C-alpha atoms as a PDB file:
ATOM      1  CA  MET A   1     -20.319  -5.650  -1.804  1.00  0.00           C
ATOM      2  CA  ILE A   2     -22.685  -8.580  -2.409  1.00  0.00           C
ATOM      3  CA  SER A   3     -20.981  -9.295  -5.704  1.00  0.00           C
ATOM      4  CA  ILE A   4     -17.342  -8.821  -4.073  1.00  0.00           C
ATOM      5  CA  ALA A   5     -18.912 -11.652  -1.208  1.00  0.00           C
ATOM      6  CA  LEU A   6     -20.339 -13.840  -4.064  1.00  0.00           C
ATOM      7  CA  ARG A   7     -16.923 -13.797  -6.253  1.00  0.00           C
ATOM      8  CA  PHE A   8     -15.322 -15.381  -2.838  1.00  0.00           C
ATOM      9  CA  ILE A   9     -17.399 -18.303  -3.237  1.00  0.00           C
ATOM     10  CA  PRO A  10     -15.634 -20.394  -5.431  1.00  0.00           C
ATOM     11  CA  THR A  11     -12.685 -19.263  -3.872  1.00  0.00           C
ATOM     12  CA  LEU A  12     -13.218 -19.973  -0.543  1.00  0.00           C
ATOM     13  CA  LEU A  13     -14.671 -23.567  -1.953  1.00  0.00           C
ATOM     14  CA  THR A  14     -11.531 -23.954  -3.353  1.00  0.00           C
ATOM     15  CA  GLU A  15      -9.554 -23.277  -0.444  1.00  0.00           C
ATOM     16  CA  LEU A  16     -11.845 -25.425   1.300  1.00  0.00           C
ATOM     17  CA  GLN A  17     -10.842 -28.705  -0.952  1.00  0.00           C
ATOM     18  CA  THR A  18      -7.542 -28.352  -0.116  1.00  0.00           C
ATOM     19  CA  ILE A  19      -7.108 -27.741   3.344  1.00  0.00           C
ATOM     20  CA  MET A  20      -9.811 -30.883   3.286  1.00  0.00           C
ATOM     21  CA  ASP A  21      -6.991 -32.787   1.463  1.00  0.00           C
ATOM     22  CA  ALA A  22      -3.880 -31.803   3.492  1.00  0.00           C
ATOM     23  CA  GLN A  23      -6.057 -33.016   6.444  1.00  0.00           C
ATOM     24  CA  ARG A  24      -6.747 -36.358   4.906  1.00  0.00           C
ATOM     25  CA  SER A  25      -3.277 -36.962   4.460  1.00  0.00           C
ATOM     26  CA  ARG A  26      -2.808 -36.338   7.948  1.00  0.00           C
ATOM     27  CA  GLY A  27      -4.910 -39.111   8.449  1.00  0.00           C
ATOM     28  CA  THR A  28      -8.799 -37.193   9.411  1.00  0.00           C
ATOM     29  CA  ASN A  29     -11.382 -38.956   7.892  1.00  0.00           C
ATOM     30  CA  PHE A  30     -14.657 -36.669   7.467  1.00  0.00           C
ATOM     31  CA  ASN A  31     -17.269 -39.458   6.482  1.00  0.00           C
ATOM     32  CA  GLN A  32     -16.847 -42.238   9.220  1.00  0.00           C
ATOM     33  CA  GLY A  33     -17.065 -42.725  13.107  1.00  0.00           C
ATOM     34  CA  LYS A  34     -19.107 -41.166  15.331  1.00  0.00           C
ATOM     35  CA  LEU A  35     -21.168 -37.960  15.312  1.00  0.00           C
ATOM     36  CA  TRP A  36     -19.061 -35.937  17.462  1.00  0.00           C
ATOM     37  CA  GLU A  37     -15.715 -37.425  16.040  1.00  0.00           C
ATOM     38  CA  ARG A  38     -17.322 -36.275  12.461  1.00  0.00           C
ATOM     39  CA  VAL A  39     -17.778 -32.416  14.158  1.00  0.00           C
ATOM     40  CA  ARG A  40     -14.367 -32.570  15.703  1.00  0.00           C
ATOM     41  CA  ASN A  41     -13.129 -33.438  12.990  1.00  0.00           C
ATOM     42  CA  ILE A  42     -14.977 -30.254  10.670  1.00  0.00           C
ATOM     43  CA  GLY A  43     -13.705 -28.671  13.154  1.00  0.00           C
ATOM     44  CA  THR A  44     -10.452 -28.962  12.554  1.00  0.00           C
ATOM     45  CA  LEU A  45     -11.297 -27.296   9.059  1.00  0.00           C
ATOM     46  CA  ILE A  46     -12.799 -23.973  10.366  1.00  0.00           C
ATOM     47  CA  ILE A  47     -10.263 -22.559  11.661  1.00  0.00           C
ATOM     48  CA  PRO A  48      -7.958 -22.728   8.366  1.00  0.00           C
ATOM     49  CA  LEU A  49     -10.562 -21.536   5.967  1.00  0.00           C
ATOM     50  CA  LEU A  50     -11.021 -18.606   8.432  1.00  0.00           C
ATOM     51  CA  VAL A  51      -7.788 -17.640   8.334  1.00  0.00           C
ATOM     52  CA  ALA A  52      -7.667 -18.096   4.441  1.00  0.00           C
ATOM     53  CA  SER A  53     -10.824 -16.095   3.798  1.00  0.00           C
ATOM     54  CA  PHE A  54      -9.341 -13.159   5.898  1.00  0.00           C
ATOM     55  CA  ARG A  55      -6.231 -13.391   3.987  1.00  0.00           C
ATOM     56  CA  HIS A  56      -7.396 -13.074   0.934  1.00  0.00           C
ATOM     57  CA  ALA A  57      -9.727 -10.504   2.533  1.00  0.00           C
ATOM     58  CA  ASP A  58      -6.629  -8.801   3.331  1.00  0.00           C
ATOM     59  CA  HIS A  59      -5.253  -8.772   0.198  1.00  0.00           C
ATOM     60  CA  LEU A  60      -8.475  -7.404  -1.828  1.00  0.00           C
ATOM     61  CA  ALA A  61      -8.362  -4.471   1.138  1.00  0.00           C
ATOM     62  CA  ASP A  62      -4.862  -3.658  -0.569  1.00  0.00           C
ATOM     63  CA  ALA A  63      -5.868  -3.987  -3.335  1.00  0.00           C
ATOM     64  CA  LEU A  64      -8.743  -1.553  -3.276  1.00  0.00           C
ATOM     65  CA  GLY A  65      -6.308   1.027  -1.437  1.00  0.00           C
ATOM     66  CA  ALA A  66      -3.572   1.010  -3.766  1.00  0.00           C
ATOM     67  CA  SER A  67      -6.456   1.472  -6.580  1.00  0.00           C
ATOM     68  CA  GLY A  68      -7.075   4.502  -5.108  1.00  0.00           C
ATOM     69  CA  TYR A  69     -10.805   3.366  -3.592  1.00  0.00           C
ATOM     70  CA  SER A  70     -11.636   4.909  -0.344  1.00  0.00           C
ATOM     71  CA  VAL A  71     -14.870   4.886   1.834  1.00  0.00           C
ATOM     72  CA  GLN A  72     -14.206   8.637   2.966  1.00  0.00           C
ATOM     73  CA  ALA A  73     -13.469   9.336  -0.721  1.00  0.00           C
ATOM     74  CA  VAL A  74     -16.073  11.636  -3.035  1.00  0.00           C
ATOM     75  CA  ARG A  75     -16.660  10.766  -6.044  1.00  0.00           C
ATOM     76  CA  THR A  76     -15.137  12.374  -8.606  1.00  0.00           C
ATOM     77  CA  SER A  77     -16.262  13.765 -12.269  1.00  0.00           C
ATOM     78  CA  TYR A  78     -15.255  13.643 -15.644  1.00  0.00           C
ATOM     79  CA  ARG A  79     -12.802  16.565 -16.299  1.00  0.00           C
ATOM     80  CA  LYS A  80     -12.336  17.678 -19.747  1.00  0.00           C
ATOM     81  CA  PHE A  81      -8.474  17.825 -20.757  1.00  0.00           C
ATOM     82  CA  ILE A  82      -7.671  20.891 -22.741  1.00  0.00           C
ATOM     83  CA  TRP A  83      -4.560  21.159 -25.479  1.00  0.00           C
ATOM     84  CA  ARG A  84      -2.753  24.025 -24.671  1.00  0.00           C
ATOM     85  CA  PRO A  85       0.703  25.330 -26.458  1.00  0.00           C
ATOM     86  CA  ALA A  86       2.825  24.303 -23.465  1.00  0.00           C
ATOM     87  CA  ASP A  87       1.837  20.628 -24.953  1.00  0.00           C
ATOM     88  CA  THR A  88       2.571  21.442 -28.263  1.00  0.00           C
ATOM     89  CA  GLY A  89       5.698  22.725 -27.674  1.00  0.00           C
ATOM     90  CA  SER A  90       6.567  19.247 -24.891  1.00  0.00           C
ATOM     91  CA  LEU A  91       5.889  17.107 -27.951  1.00  0.00           C
ATOM     92  CA  GLY A  92       7.815  19.251 -30.446  1.00  0.00           C
ATOM     93  CA  LEU A  93      10.629  18.968 -27.778  1.00  0.00           C
ATOM     94  CA  VAL A  94      10.558  15.129 -27.594  1.00  0.00           C
ATOM     95  CA  ILE A  95      10.144  14.837 -31.214  1.00  0.00           C
ATOM     96  CA  VAL A  96      13.195  16.824 -32.255  1.00  0.00           C
ATOM     97  CA  LEU A  97      15.352  14.886 -29.231  1.00  0.00           C
ATOM     98  CA  GLY A  98      14.313  11.403 -30.371  1.00  0.00           C
ATOM     99  CA  LEU A  99      15.236  12.399 -33.916  1.00  0.00           C
ATOM    100  CA  LEU A 100      18.600  13.678 -32.601  1.00  0.00           C
ATOM    101  CA  VAL A 101      18.633   9.996 -30.853  1.00  0.00           C
ATOM    102  CA  LEU A 102      17.735   8.087 -33.909  1.00  0.00           C
ATOM    103  CA  GLY A 103      20.747  10.153 -35.980  1.00  0.00           C
ATOM    104  CA  THR A 104      23.260  10.039 -33.537  1.00  0.00           C
ATOM    105  CA  ARG A 105      22.887   5.963 -34.153  1.00  0.00           C
ATOM    106  CA  GLY A 106      22.826   5.741 -37.990  1.00  0.00           C
ATOM    107  CA  PHE A 107      19.262   4.921 -38.378  1.00  0.00           C
END
């Protein structure tokens, strides 16, 4: 969990810089004015940054869900697959069909 949280720090810093640039383009100055004006100007960064962080967390949750990660799931163990006669028959059938397709096309 800590590694996932640490991974988002650079992403959030980049997002913060983008939001600050957007606010500057609208005329917000973060370095000038009285203390209350600076606090209010910085407050305009908090809501968009929270929205961006929730969006990133939602995308991460979707990606983990699609990958099969679950809190309730029990850990699985490695299963060794055994080659069976049906596998040999299926492989032979695929090879024969492949050769037939290639033969009918004149290769």
